[in-house]
Amino acid sequence: MSTSTPMDSIKALSAKELIECDTPQPGWIIDDFILERGITIIGGPTASLKSMISLHAALTSCFEIEFFGRQANKVPIVYLDAENNTGVEKDRLSKLANGLSLFKDIQEKDPQLYFVNYSNFKFVKSCRQLFEEEIVKKYKAKLIVVDTFTRFFVGEANESKHINQFYEFLKYFCDKYGTSWLILHHTRKGNQAHKNIDDLRGSSDIAAFADIVFILEKHSNNFVKLSQVKNRHSEPIENISVRLISTTDESLSLQLDSTKTQNGRENNVKKKKEKCAEEIQNWAKLCNQKVFQSKEIENEFENSNFKKNCIYDALKALVASGFFKKETKGTYTLQV
C-alpha cells in the first residue's frame, strides 16, 4: 500500500490567506541569542571560549539573570559534553558559578541543569529513540547544548546528505518537544580571525539549517568578539566583546568589554521599544474604542516578541508623544 501523499490532499494558501493568517512571533530562551524551538550555532577556533560562553548562557537561563544585557528565561537544560571529562566540567561550573554568585543557589535549589559526559549518542535516526527516552523525556530538556558538533555527527561534514541527516534529528525534537539547540562547532584552521559564516568547518548546509549563527573571533586567550552572522528572524545584533576575568583561583566571570558593546545593546533596546510602540499604535487605531487597560494591551501582545517591560516602556513613550493620555493607574485614553 502506497504511503505517498495524494496530490489532491495538498492545500496551498493564497497570498491573501498567507498575509492574513495568525502566526505567533518566535519566543526566546535568551533574547536575540537562543530561539525557542530553534537552532543556534556558535563557531570559533580552538580555545576561543565557546564552552565558557555556552555554560555562562546555561547558568543565566537557569536563574533568569541577564546574559550580556539580554533577558534569559528559565528552562530545563542538558549539556552534552563529549570534549571534556567530569573534572573539567566541575571546575568550569564551580568557577563560573562563583563568578555569578550562584554557587550556593546551585547547592540549595534545583536549577534543572544536567551534564552528560557521553559521546556514544550519535545524531542519527537509529539513536533517536534512546536519546528521546534518556535525555529529552528523562530530564524534560527544553534546551540541549551540544559540545561539540563533531562528536555527535556521523558521516562526512562536506556532504549535504549527511548534514541533512543531522538536521532531521534536531528538527524531530524541535517539532515534537519544542526543544532548542545550542551547538558548538569549530571554524576552519588557519587564520584565527574568523568573521564570516563560511568559516564554519564543513558544508555550507550546516549554517543553512541554523536559525542563529555566531562566529567567535579570538583576540587573546581571554578576549573574544562574538559576531552574529545569521539571524533568520530579525536583523543581526551588534557584535558582543567579551573578556574572561579571573578574580581568584576559584572564580571566573565573563564580562562585556567595551562601551561599543554597551552602546550597541542600548540601541537594540531602543529599537525594540520603538517597534513595540509602533505596533501598539497601529493596533489601537484599528480598535473601536477610546479607553484601554494596560492589562488588555499586555494580553494582546503577550504572544509577540516583546517582553512585559518593553511593552510598558512603549506605553510610556506613547503617553509622552501624546498618542495616549494616562488617566489613572493602568488606564489609557486614545488622543487621536
C-alpha atoms as a PDB file:
ATOM      1  CA  MET A   1       0.000   0.000   0.000  1.00  0.00           C
ATOM      2  CA  SER A   2       1.427   3.351  -1.002  1.00  0.00           C
ATOM      3  CA  THR A   3       2.214   5.827   1.790  1.00  0.00           C
ATOM      4  CA  SER A   4       2.780   8.774  -0.546  1.00  0.00           C
ATOM      5  CA  THR A   5       0.598  11.854  -0.156  1.00  0.00           C
ATOM      6  CA  PRO A   6      -2.105  12.171  -2.865  1.00  0.00           C
ATOM      7  CA  MET A   7      -1.815  15.396  -4.814  1.00  0.00           C
ATOM      8  CA  ASP A   8      -5.460  16.276  -4.132  1.00  0.00           C
ATOM      9  CA  SER A   9      -4.716  16.460  -0.371  1.00  0.00           C
ATOM     10  CA  ILE A  10      -2.121  19.233  -0.769  1.00  0.00           C
ATOM     11  CA  LYS A  11      -3.571  22.575   0.303  1.00  0.00           C
ATOM     12  CA  ALA A  12      -1.985  25.787  -0.886  1.00  0.00           C
ATOM     13  CA  LEU A  13      -2.513  29.134   0.848  1.00  0.00           C
ATOM     14  CA  SER A  14      -3.483  32.059  -1.314  1.00  0.00           C
ATOM     15  CA  ALA A  15      -1.400  35.228  -0.987  1.00  0.00           C
ATOM     16  CA  LYS A  16      -4.371  36.834   0.810  1.00  0.00           C
ATOM     17  CA  GLU A  17      -4.670  33.925   3.255  1.00  0.00           C
ATOM     18  CA  LEU A  18      -0.942  33.977   3.906  1.00  0.00           C
ATOM     19  CA  ILE A  19      -0.721  37.661   4.840  1.00  0.00           C
ATOM     20  CA  GLU A  20      -3.863  37.443   6.975  1.00  0.00           C
ATOM     21  CA  CYS A  21      -3.113  34.199   8.828  1.00  0.00           C
ATOM     22  CA  ASP A  22      -2.287  34.321  12.543  1.00  0.00           C
ATOM     23  CA  THR A  23       1.348  33.346  13.048  1.00  0.00           C
ATOM     24  CA  PRO A  24       2.880  33.745  16.536  1.00  0.00           C
ATOM     25  CA  GLN A  25       6.130  35.653  16.890  1.00  0.00           C
ATOM     26  CA  PRO A  26       9.112  33.476  17.817  1.00  0.00           C
ATOM     27  CA  GLY A  27       9.957  33.351  21.506  1.00  0.00           C
ATOM     28  CA  TRP A  28      13.421  33.391  23.022  1.00  0.00           C
ATOM     29  CA  ILE A  29      15.158  31.457  25.780  1.00  0.00           C
ATOM     30  CA  ILE A  30      17.778  34.219  25.694  1.00  0.00           C
ATOM     31  CA  ASP A  31      16.765  37.324  23.753  1.00  0.00           C
ATOM     32  CA  ASP A  32      18.463  37.553  20.327  1.00  0.00           C
ATOM     33  CA  PHE A  33      20.629  34.548  21.180  1.00  0.00           C
ATOM     34  CA  ILE A  34      18.776  31.253  21.702  1.00  0.00           C
ATOM     35  CA  LEU A  35      15.448  30.831  19.921  1.00  0.00           C
ATOM     36  CA  GLU A  36      12.641  28.670  21.300  1.00  0.00           C
ATOM     37  CA  ARG A  37      12.250  25.543  19.124  1.00  0.00           C
ATOM     38  CA  GLY A  38      15.261  26.746  17.158  1.00  0.00           C
ATOM     39  CA  ILE A  39      18.907  26.000  16.429  1.00  0.00           C
ATOM     40  CA  THR A  40      21.774  28.303  17.423  1.00  0.00           C
ATOM     41  CA  ILE A  41      25.362  27.623  16.362  1.00  0.00           C
ATOM     42  CA  ILE A  42      28.466  29.154  17.949  1.00  0.00           C
ATOM     43  CA  GLY A  43      31.514  28.664  15.749  1.00  0.00           C
ATOM     44  CA  GLY A  44      35.071  29.501  16.693  1.00  0.00           C
ATOM     45  CA  PRO A  45      38.672  28.306  16.700  1.00  0.00           C
ATOM     46  CA  THR A  46      40.080  26.068  19.406  1.00  0.00           C
ATOM     47  CA  ALA A  47      40.242  27.652  22.897  1.00  0.00           C
ATOM     48  CA  SER A  48      38.050  30.613  21.935  1.00  0.00           C
ATOM     49  CA  LEU A  49      35.745  30.387  24.998  1.00  0.00           C
ATOM     50  CA  LYS A  50      32.929  28.569  23.153  1.00  0.00           C
ATOM     51  CA  SER A  51      32.279  26.238  26.081  1.00  0.00           C
ATOM     52  CA  MET A  52      32.632  29.016  28.668  1.00  0.00           C
ATOM     53  CA  ILE A  53      30.139  31.254  26.870  1.00  0.00           C
ATOM     54  CA  SER A  54      27.680  28.363  26.447  1.00  0.00           C
ATOM     55  CA  LEU A  55      27.935  27.372  30.114  1.00  0.00           C
ATOM     56  CA  HIS A  56      27.504  31.032  31.093  1.00  0.00           C
ATOM     57  CA  ALA A  57      24.359  31.130  28.919  1.00  0.00           C
ATOM     58  CA  ALA A  58      23.032  27.981  30.599  1.00  0.00           C
ATOM     59  CA  LEU A  59      23.572  29.393  34.101  1.00  0.00           C
ATOM     60  CA  THR A  60      21.931  32.733  33.297  1.00  0.00           C
ATOM     61  CA  SER A  61      18.940  30.878  31.861  1.00  0.00           C
ATOM     62  CA  CYS A  62      18.593  28.586  34.888  1.00  0.00           C
ATOM     63  CA  PHE A  63      18.470  31.562  37.262  1.00  0.00           C
ATOM     64  CA  GLU A  64      16.809  34.071  34.888  1.00  0.00           C
ATOM     65  CA  ILE A  65      19.560  36.660  35.101  1.00  0.00           C
ATOM     66  CA  GLU A  66      20.820  38.799  32.239  1.00  0.00           C
ATOM     67  CA  PHE A  67      23.081  37.271  29.615  1.00  0.00           C
ATOM     68  CA  PHE A  68      25.316  40.128  28.455  1.00  0.00           C
ATOM     69  CA  GLY A  69      22.441  42.560  28.965  1.00  0.00           C
ATOM     70  CA  ARG A  70      19.768  40.315  27.445  1.00  0.00           C
ATOM     71  CA  GLN A  71      16.807  38.703  29.174  1.00  0.00           C
ATOM     72  CA  ALA A  72      17.230  34.989  29.889  1.00  0.00           C
ATOM     73  CA  ASN A  73      14.274  32.702  30.640  1.00  0.00           C
ATOM     74  CA  LYS A  74      14.339  29.538  32.743  1.00  0.00           C
ATOM     75  CA  VAL A  75      14.068  26.159  31.024  1.00  0.00           C
ATOM     76  CA  PRO A  76      15.430  22.680  31.851  1.00  0.00           C
ATOM     77  CA  ILE A  77      18.843  22.293  30.180  1.00  0.00           C
ATOM     78  CA  VAL A  78      21.002  19.305  29.288  1.00  0.00           C
ATOM     79  CA  TYR A  79      24.657  19.988  28.480  1.00  0.00           C
ATOM     80  CA  LEU A  80      26.108  17.204  26.304  1.00  0.00           C
ATOM     81  CA  ASP A  81      29.887  17.376  26.718  1.00  0.00           C
ATOM     82  CA  ALA A  82      31.922  14.897  24.735  1.00  0.00           C
ATOM     83  CA  GLU A  83      35.002  17.145  24.751  1.00  0.00           C
ATOM     84  CA  ASN A  84      35.794  17.288  28.470  1.00  0.00           C
ATOM     85  CA  ASN A  85      35.830  14.926  31.424  1.00  0.00           C
ATOM     86  CA  THR A  86      33.801  15.373  34.617  1.00  0.00           C
ATOM     87  CA  GLY A  87      36.716  17.049  36.412  1.00  0.00           C
ATOM     88  CA  VAL A  88      36.985  19.808  33.800  1.00  0.00           C
ATOM     89  CA  GLU A  89      33.209  20.276  33.795  1.00  0.00           C
ATOM     90  CA  LYS A  90      33.136  20.570  37.603  1.00  0.00           C
ATOM     91  CA  ASP A  91      35.992  23.100  37.632  1.00  0.00           C
ATOM     92  CA  ARG A  92      34.388  25.325  34.988  1.00  0.00           C
ATOM     93  CA  LEU A  93      30.929  25.158  36.529  1.00  0.00           C
ATOM     94  CA  SER A  94      32.212  25.915  40.031  1.00  0.00           C
ATOM     95  CA  LYS A  95      34.306  28.893  38.932  1.00  0.00           C
ATOM     96  CA  LEU A  96      31.629  30.436  36.712  1.00  0.00           C
ATOM     97  CA  ALA A  97      29.008  29.864  39.436  1.00  0.00           C
ATOM     98  CA  ASN A  98      31.275  31.676  41.904  1.00  0.00           C
ATOM     99  CA  GLY A  99      31.741  34.497  39.403  1.00  0.00           C
ATOM    100  CA  LEU A 100      27.961  34.891  39.142  1.00  0.00           C
ATOM    101  CA  SER A 101      27.448  34.423  42.913  1.00  0.00           C
ATOM    102  CA  LEU A 102      25.347  31.327  42.216  1.00  0.00           C
ATOM    103  CA  PHE A 103      27.355  28.610  43.932  1.00  0.00           C
ATOM    104  CA  LYS A 104      25.057  28.333  46.978  1.00  0.00           C
ATOM    105  CA  ASP A 105      21.953  28.633  44.799  1.00  0.00           C
ATOM    106  CA  ILE A 106      23.065  25.597  42.798  1.00  0.00           C
ATOM    107  CA  GLN A 107      23.589  23.644  46.017  1.00  0.00           C
ATOM    108  CA  GLU A 108      20.329  24.712  47.654  1.00  0.00           C
ATOM    109  CA  LYS A 109      17.972  24.843  44.669  1.00  0.00           C
ATOM    110  CA  ASP A 110      17.317  22.684  41.635  1.00  0.00           C
ATOM    111  CA  PRO A 111      18.443  24.739  38.633  1.00  0.00           C
ATOM    112  CA  GLN A 112      17.401  21.912  36.267  1.00  0.00           C
ATOM    113  CA  LEU A 113      20.818  21.948  34.614  1.00  0.00           C
ATOM    114  CA  TYR A 114      22.177  18.479  33.810  1.00  0.00           C
ATOM    115  CA  PHE A 115      25.540  17.375  32.403  1.00  0.00           C
ATOM    116  CA  VAL A 116      26.005  14.264  30.291  1.00  0.00           C
ATOM    117  CA  ASN A 117      29.620  13.283  29.717  1.00  0.00           C
ATOM    118  CA  TYR A 118      28.959  10.741  26.997  1.00  0.00           C
ATOM    119  CA  SER A 119      29.868  10.625  23.313  1.00  0.00           C
ATOM    120  CA  ASN A 120      28.125   7.397  22.262  1.00  0.00           C
ATOM    121  CA  PHE A 121      24.941   9.235  21.303  1.00  0.00           C
ATOM    122  CA  LYS A 122      25.116   9.900  17.583  1.00  0.00           C
ATOM    123  CA  PHE A 123      22.587  12.159  15.949  1.00  0.00           C
ATOM    124  CA  VAL A 124      21.182   9.624  13.513  1.00  0.00           C
ATOM    125  CA  LYS A 125      17.728   8.072  13.276  1.00  0.00           C
ATOM    126  CA  SER A 126      18.825   4.738  14.767  1.00  0.00           C
ATOM    127  CA  CYS A 127      19.801   6.511  18.025  1.00  0.00           C
ATOM    128  CA  ARG A 128      16.741   8.737  18.192  1.00  0.00           C
ATOM    129  CA  GLN A 129      14.571   6.561  20.461  1.00  0.00           C
ATOM    130  CA  LEU A 130      17.361   6.097  23.010  1.00  0.00           C
ATOM    131  CA  PHE A 131      18.082   9.830  23.008  1.00  0.00           C
ATOM    132  CA  GLU A 132      14.378  10.591  23.325  1.00  0.00           C
ATOM    133  CA  GLU A 133      13.996   8.387  26.412  1.00  0.00           C
ATOM    134  CA  GLU A 134      17.317   9.005  28.148  1.00  0.00           C
ATOM    135  CA  ILE A 135      17.726  12.743  27.527  1.00  0.00           C
ATOM    136  CA  VAL A 136      14.630  14.586  26.336  1.00  0.00           C
ATOM    137  CA  LYS A 137      11.929  12.806  28.343  1.00  0.00           C
ATOM    138  CA  LYS A 138      14.020  11.904  31.382  1.00  0.00           C
ATOM    139  CA  TYR A 139      15.205  15.470  32.021  1.00  0.00           C
ATOM    140  CA  LYS A 140      12.320  17.310  30.277  1.00  0.00           C
ATOM    141  CA  ALA A 141      15.000  19.139  28.320  1.00  0.00           C
ATOM    142  CA  LYS A 142      13.957  22.311  26.525  1.00  0.00           C
ATOM    143  CA  LEU A 143      17.494  23.397  25.696  1.00  0.00           C
ATOM    144  CA  ILE A 144      20.259  20.977  24.729  1.00  0.00           C
ATOM    145  CA  VAL A 145      23.844  22.217  24.443  1.00  0.00           C
ATOM    146  CA  VAL A 146      25.999  20.128  22.091  1.00  0.00           C
ATOM    147  CA  ASP A 147      29.739  20.353  22.790  1.00  0.00           C
ATOM    148  CA  THR A 148      30.767  19.824  20.016  1.00  0.00           C
ATOM    149  CA  PHE A 149      29.133  19.161  16.635  1.00  0.00           C
ATOM    150  CA  THR A 150      31.934  16.829  15.527  1.00  0.00           C
ATOM    151  CA  ARG A 151      31.470  14.441  18.463  1.00  0.00           C
ATOM    152  CA  PHE A 152      27.800  13.739  17.679  1.00  0.00           C
ATOM    153  CA  PHE A 153      27.886  13.919  13.884  1.00  0.00           C
ATOM    154  CA  VAL A 154      28.129  10.821  11.712  1.00  0.00           C
ATOM    155  CA  GLY A 155      29.393  10.988   8.148  1.00  0.00           C
ATOM    156  CA  GLU A 156      31.291  13.453   6.006  1.00  0.00           C
ATOM    157  CA  ALA A 157      30.813  17.094   7.072  1.00  0.00           C
ATOM    158  CA  ASN A 158      31.131  18.288   3.469  1.00  0.00           C
ATOM    159  CA  GLU A 159      28.315  16.018   2.261  1.00  0.00           C
ATOM    160  CA  SER A 160      24.858  17.606   2.174  1.00  0.00           C
ATOM    161  CA  LYS A 161      23.053  14.281   2.682  1.00  0.00           C
ATOM    162  CA  HIS A 162      24.941  13.659   5.932  1.00  0.00           C
ATOM    163  CA  ILE A 163      24.305  17.210   7.170  1.00  0.00           C
ATOM    164  CA  ASN A 164      20.611  16.777   6.359  1.00  0.00           C
ATOM    165  CA  GLN A 165      20.537  13.557   8.427  1.00  0.00           C
ATOM    166  CA  PHE A 166      21.940  15.505  11.403  1.00  0.00           C
ATOM    167  CA  TYR A 167      19.423  18.332  10.859  1.00  0.00           C
ATOM    168  CA  GLU A 168      16.462  15.932  10.685  1.00  0.00           C
ATOM    169  CA  PHE A 169      17.498  14.530  14.066  1.00  0.00           C
ATOM    170  CA  LEU A 170      17.450  18.032  15.611  1.00  0.00           C
ATOM    171  CA  LYS A 171      14.239  19.039  13.860  1.00  0.00           C
ATOM    172  CA  TYR A 172      12.370  15.983  15.154  1.00  0.00           C
ATOM    173  CA  PHE A 173      12.835  17.177  18.739  1.00  0.00           C
ATOM    174  CA  CYS A 174      12.166  20.827  17.864  1.00  0.00           C
ATOM    175  CA  ASP A 175       8.799  19.865  16.379  1.00  0.00           C
ATOM    176  CA  LYS A 176       7.721  17.155  18.829  1.00  0.00           C
ATOM    177  CA  TYR A 177       9.018  18.527  22.146  1.00  0.00           C
ATOM    178  CA  GLY A 178       9.716  22.213  21.490  1.00  0.00           C
ATOM    179  CA  THR A 179      13.423  21.575  22.048  1.00  0.00           C
ATOM    180  CA  SER A 180      16.002  24.294  21.387  1.00  0.00           C
ATOM    181  CA  TRP A 181      19.597  23.530  20.429  1.00  0.00           C
ATOM    182  CA  LEU A 182      22.866  25.346  21.101  1.00  0.00           C
ATOM    183  CA  ILE A 183      25.577  23.694  19.023  1.00  0.00           C
ATOM    184  CA  LEU A 184      29.281  24.420  19.371  1.00  0.00           C
ATOM    185  CA  HIS A 185      31.331  23.994  16.224  1.00  0.00           C
ATOM    186  CA  HIS A 186      34.851  24.689  15.048  1.00  0.00           C
ATOM    187  CA  THR A 187      35.858  27.124  12.351  1.00  0.00           C
ATOM    188  CA  ARG A 188      38.349  26.317   9.651  1.00  0.00           C
ATOM    189  CA  LYS A 189      42.004  26.062  10.637  1.00  0.00           C
ATOM    190  CA  GLY A 190      44.408  28.783   9.631  1.00  0.00           C
ATOM    191  CA  ASN A 191      43.667  32.440  10.248  1.00  0.00           C
ATOM    192  CA  GLN A 192      42.278  32.796  13.786  1.00  0.00           C
ATOM    193  CA  ALA A 193      40.265  35.932  12.935  1.00  0.00           C
ATOM    194  CA  HIS A 194      37.080  34.354  11.623  1.00  0.00           C
ATOM    195  CA  LYS A 195      34.351  36.776  10.657  1.00  0.00           C
ATOM    196  CA  ASN A 196      32.139  35.084   8.084  1.00  0.00           C
ATOM    197  CA  ILE A 197      29.509  32.389   8.121  1.00  0.00           C
ATOM    198  CA  ASP A 198      31.573  30.497   5.529  1.00  0.00           C
ATOM    199  CA  ASP A 199      34.319  29.976   8.109  1.00  0.00           C
ATOM    200  CA  LEU A 200      32.375  27.149   9.782  1.00  0.00           C
ATOM    201  CA  ARG A 201      34.017  23.814   9.042  1.00  0.00           C
ATOM    202  CA  GLY A 202      32.185  21.563   6.604  1.00  0.00           C
ATOM    203  CA  SER A 203      29.325  22.101   4.197  1.00  0.00           C
ATOM    204  CA  SER A 204      27.517  25.439   3.935  1.00  0.00           C
ATOM    205  CA  ASP A 205      24.372  23.430   4.783  1.00  0.00           C
ATOM    206  CA  ILE A 206      25.480  23.479   8.439  1.00  0.00           C
ATOM    207  CA  ALA A 207      24.876  27.227   8.627  1.00  0.00           C
ATOM    208  CA  ALA A 208      21.832  26.943   6.352  1.00  0.00           C
ATOM    209  CA  PHE A 209      19.820  24.789   8.786  1.00  0.00           C
ATOM    210  CA  ALA A 210      20.511  27.084  11.769  1.00  0.00           C
ATOM    211  CA  ASP A 211      18.274  29.934  12.853  1.00  0.00           C
ATOM    212  CA  ILE A 212      21.078  31.835  14.569  1.00  0.00           C
ATOM    213  CA  VAL A 213      24.826  31.669  13.863  1.00  0.00           C
ATOM    214  CA  PHE A 214      27.575  33.345  15.884  1.00  0.00           C
ATOM    215  CA  ILE A 215      31.240  33.417  14.954  1.00  0.00           C
ATOM    216  CA  LEU A 216      33.873  33.952  17.644  1.00  0.00           C
ATOM    217  CA  GLU A 217      36.989  35.961  16.840  1.00  0.00           C
ATOM    218  CA  LYS A 218      39.787  35.241  19.260  1.00  0.00           C
ATOM    219  CA  HIS A 219      41.870  38.335  20.041  1.00  0.00           C
ATOM    220  CA  SER A 220      43.774  36.895  23.005  1.00  0.00           C
ATOM    221  CA  ASN A 221      43.485  33.960  25.407  1.00  0.00           C
ATOM    222  CA  ASN A 222      40.858  35.779  27.466  1.00  0.00           C
ATOM    223  CA  PHE A 223      39.262  38.192  24.994  1.00  0.00           C
ATOM    224  CA  VAL A 224      36.872  37.345  22.123  1.00  0.00           C
ATOM    225  CA  LYS A 225      34.378  39.088  19.893  1.00  0.00           C
ATOM    226  CA  LEU A 226      31.036  37.375  19.253  1.00  0.00           C
ATOM    227  CA  SER A 227      29.546  38.309  15.863  1.00  0.00           C
ATOM    228  CA  GLN A 228      26.019  37.289  14.886  1.00  0.00           C
ATOM    229  CA  VAL A 229      26.386  36.472  11.192  1.00  0.00           C
ATOM    230  CA  LYS A 230      22.905  34.994  10.756  1.00  0.00           C
ATOM    231  CA  ASN A 231      19.531  35.696  12.347  1.00  0.00           C
ATOM    232  CA  ARG A 232      16.609  34.163  10.491  1.00  0.00           C
ATOM    233  CA  HIS A 233      14.005  36.239  12.334  1.00  0.00           C
ATOM    234  CA  SER A 234      15.440  39.758  12.578  1.00  0.00           C
ATOM    235  CA  GLU A 235      18.452  41.914  11.809  1.00  0.00           C
ATOM    236  CA  PRO A 236      21.708  40.599  13.331  1.00  0.00           C
ATOM    237  CA  ILE A 237      22.581  42.216  16.647  1.00  0.00           C
ATOM    238  CA  GLU A 238      25.656  44.334  17.329  1.00  0.00           C
ATOM    239  CA  ASN A 239      28.903  42.492  18.000  1.00  0.00           C
ATOM    240  CA  ILE A 240      29.479  41.447  21.608  1.00  0.00           C
ATOM    241  CA  SER A 241      33.009  41.825  23.003  1.00  0.00           C
ATOM    242  CA  VAL A 242      33.648  39.552  25.971  1.00  0.00           C
ATOM    243  CA  ARG A 243      36.556  39.216  28.367  1.00  0.00           C
ATOM    244  CA  LEU A 244      37.157  36.296  30.736  1.00  0.00           C
ATOM    245  CA  ILE A 245      38.106  37.713  34.142  1.00  0.00           C
ATOM    246  CA  SER A 246      39.816  35.585  36.780  1.00  0.00           C
ATOM    247  CA  THR A 247      39.184  37.299  40.121  1.00  0.00           C
ATOM    248  CA  THR A 248      40.538  34.498  42.316  1.00  0.00           C
ATOM    249  CA  ASP A 249      41.687  30.921  41.850  1.00  0.00           C
ATOM    250  CA  GLU A 250      38.096  29.824  42.479  1.00  0.00           C
ATOM    251  CA  SER A 251      36.183  32.403  40.438  1.00  0.00           C
ATOM    252  CA  LEU A 252      35.777  33.249  36.750  1.00  0.00           C
ATOM    253  CA  SER A 253      33.412  35.693  35.115  1.00  0.00           C
ATOM    254  CA  LEU A 254      32.600  36.682  31.550  1.00  0.00           C
ATOM    255  CA  GLN A 255      32.162  40.423  31.224  1.00  0.00           C
ATOM    256  CA  LEU A 256      31.206  42.797  28.448  1.00  0.00           C
ATOM    257  CA  ASP A 257      34.395  44.522  27.414  1.00  0.00           C
ATOM    258  CA  SER A 258      33.726  47.709  25.522  1.00  0.00           C
ATOM    259  CA  THR A 259      31.492  50.748  25.528  1.00  0.00           C
ATOM    260  CA  LYS A 260      30.732  49.888  21.910  1.00  0.00           C
ATOM    261  CA  THR A 261      29.054  46.664  23.075  1.00  0.00           C
ATOM    262  CA  GLN A 262      27.079  48.565  25.685  1.00  0.00           C
ATOM    263  CA  ASN A 263      26.061  51.239  23.193  1.00  0.00           C
ATOM    264  CA  GLY A 264      25.028  48.568  20.717  1.00  0.00           C
ATOM    265  CA  ARG A 265      22.867  46.868  23.342  1.00  0.00           C
ATOM    266  CA  GLU A 266      21.234  50.164  24.286  1.00  0.00           C
ATOM    267  CA  ASN A 267      20.487  50.844  20.623  1.00  0.00           C
ATOM    268  CA  ASN A 268      18.882  47.400  20.275  1.00  0.00           C
ATOM    269  CA  VAL A 269      16.694  48.006  23.331  1.00  0.00           C
ATOM    270  CA  LYS A 270      15.688  51.407  21.962  1.00  0.00           C
ATOM    271  CA  LYS A 271      14.798  49.963  18.546  1.00  0.00           C
ATOM    272  CA  LYS A 272      12.727  47.204  20.153  1.00  0.00           C
ATOM    273  CA  LYS A 273      10.820  49.722  22.279  1.00  0.00           C
ATOM    274  CA  GLU A 274      10.146  51.886  19.220  1.00  0.00           C
ATOM    275  CA  LYS A 275       8.928  48.841  17.263  1.00  0.00           C
ATOM    276  CA  CYS A 276       6.640  47.828  20.141  1.00  0.00           C
ATOM    277  CA  ALA A 277       5.220  51.359  20.374  1.00  0.00           C
ATOM    278  CA  GLU A 278       4.555  51.369  16.637  1.00  0.00           C
ATOM    279  CA  GLU A 279       2.676  48.045  16.803  1.00  0.00           C
ATOM    280  CA  ILE A 280       0.599  49.165  19.812  1.00  0.00           C
ATOM    281  CA  GLN A 281      -0.211  52.390  17.977  1.00  0.00           C
ATOM    282  CA  ASN A 282      -1.345  50.593  14.813  1.00  0.00           C
ATOM    283  CA  TRP A 283      -3.433  48.111  16.822  1.00  0.00           C
ATOM    284  CA  ALA A 284      -5.114  50.817  18.925  1.00  0.00           C
ATOM    285  CA  LYS A 285      -6.124  52.760  15.812  1.00  0.00           C
ATOM    286  CA  LEU A 286      -7.942  49.692  14.488  1.00  0.00           C
ATOM    287  CA  CYS A 287      -9.824  49.059  17.728  1.00  0.00           C
ATOM    288  CA  ASN A 288     -13.325  50.508  18.009  1.00  0.00           C
ATOM    289  CA  GLN A 289     -12.685  52.049  21.416  1.00  0.00           C
ATOM    290  CA  LYS A 290     -11.050  55.026  23.104  1.00  0.00           C
ATOM    291  CA  VAL A 291     -10.169  53.646  26.531  1.00  0.00           C
ATOM    292  CA  PHE A 292      -7.632  50.855  27.052  1.00  0.00           C
ATOM    293  CA  GLN A 293      -6.442  48.989  30.119  1.00  0.00           C
ATOM    294  CA  SER A 294      -2.744  48.192  30.445  1.00  0.00           C
ATOM    295  CA  LYS A 295      -3.559  44.528  31.126  1.00  0.00           C
ATOM    296  CA  GLU A 296      -5.616  44.428  27.925  1.00  0.00           C
ATOM    297  CA  ILE A 297      -2.653  45.752  25.940  1.00  0.00           C
ATOM    298  CA  GLU A 298      -0.260  43.366  27.662  1.00  0.00           C
ATOM    299  CA  ASN A 299      -2.523  40.381  26.877  1.00  0.00           C
ATOM    300  CA  GLU A 300      -2.820  41.461  23.239  1.00  0.00           C
ATOM    301  CA  PHE A 301       0.940  41.446  22.805  1.00  0.00           C
ATOM    302  CA  GLU A 302       1.887  38.588  25.159  1.00  0.00           C
ATOM    303  CA  ASN A 303       2.493  36.234  22.229  1.00  0.00           C
ATOM    304  CA  SER A 304       4.581  38.796  20.387  1.00  0.00           C
ATOM    305  CA  ASN A 305       8.330  39.092  20.616  1.00  0.00           C
ATOM    306  CA  PHE A 306       8.086  41.825  23.281  1.00  0.00           C
ATOM    307  CA  LYS A 307       8.738  41.343  26.973  1.00  0.00           C
ATOM    308  CA  LYS A 308       6.477  42.896  29.610  1.00  0.00           C
ATOM    309  CA  ASN A 309       8.948  45.666  30.478  1.00  0.00           C
ATOM    310  CA  CYS A 310       9.305  46.533  26.774  1.00  0.00           C
ATOM    311  CA  ILE A 311       5.508  46.878  26.442  1.00  0.00           C
ATOM    312  CA  TYR A 312       5.315  49.249  29.413  1.00  0.00           C
ATOM    313  CA  ASP A 313       8.284  51.290  28.180  1.00  0.00           C
ATOM    314  CA  ALA A 314       6.474  51.613  24.848  1.00  0.00           C
ATOM    315  CA  LEU A 315       3.304  52.785  26.641  1.00  0.00           C
ATOM    316  CA  LYS A 316       5.314  55.465  28.451  1.00  0.00           C
ATOM    317  CA  ALA A 317       6.691  56.631  25.119  1.00  0.00           C
ATOM    318  CA  LEU A 318       3.178  56.778  23.617  1.00  0.00           C
ATOM    319  CA  VAL A 319       1.989  58.864  26.564  1.00  0.00           C
ATOM    320  CA  ALA A 320       4.961  61.208  26.150  1.00  0.00           C
ATOM    321  CA  SER A 321       4.201  61.596  22.433  1.00  0.00           C
ATOM    322  CA  GLY A 322       0.550  62.461  23.129  1.00  0.00           C
ATOM    323  CA  PHE A 323      -0.902  59.366  21.468  1.00  0.00           C
ATOM    324  CA  PHE A 324      -2.273  58.133  24.811  1.00  0.00           C
ATOM    325  CA  LYS A 325      -3.271  60.019  27.937  1.00  0.00           C
ATOM    326  CA  LYS A 326      -2.795  58.139  31.188  1.00  0.00           C
ATOM    327  CA  GLU A 327      -5.956  58.712  33.216  1.00  0.00           C
ATOM    328  CA  THR A 328      -5.425  56.514  36.268  1.00  0.00           C
ATOM    329  CA  LYS A 329      -3.149  53.615  37.044  1.00  0.00           C
ATOM    330  CA  GLY A 330      -3.490  51.152  34.206  1.00  0.00           C
ATOM    331  CA  THR A 331      -5.966  53.225  32.161  1.00  0.00           C
ATOM    332  CA  TYR A 332      -5.057  54.928  28.886  1.00  0.00           C
ATOM    333  CA  THR A 333      -7.251  57.123  26.684  1.00  0.00           C
ATOM    334  CA  LEU A 334      -6.617  57.422  22.942  1.00  0.00           C
ATOM    335  CA  GLN A 335      -5.973  61.050  21.956  1.00  0.00           C
ATOM    336  CA  VAL A 336      -6.160  60.784  18.161  1.00  0.00           C
END
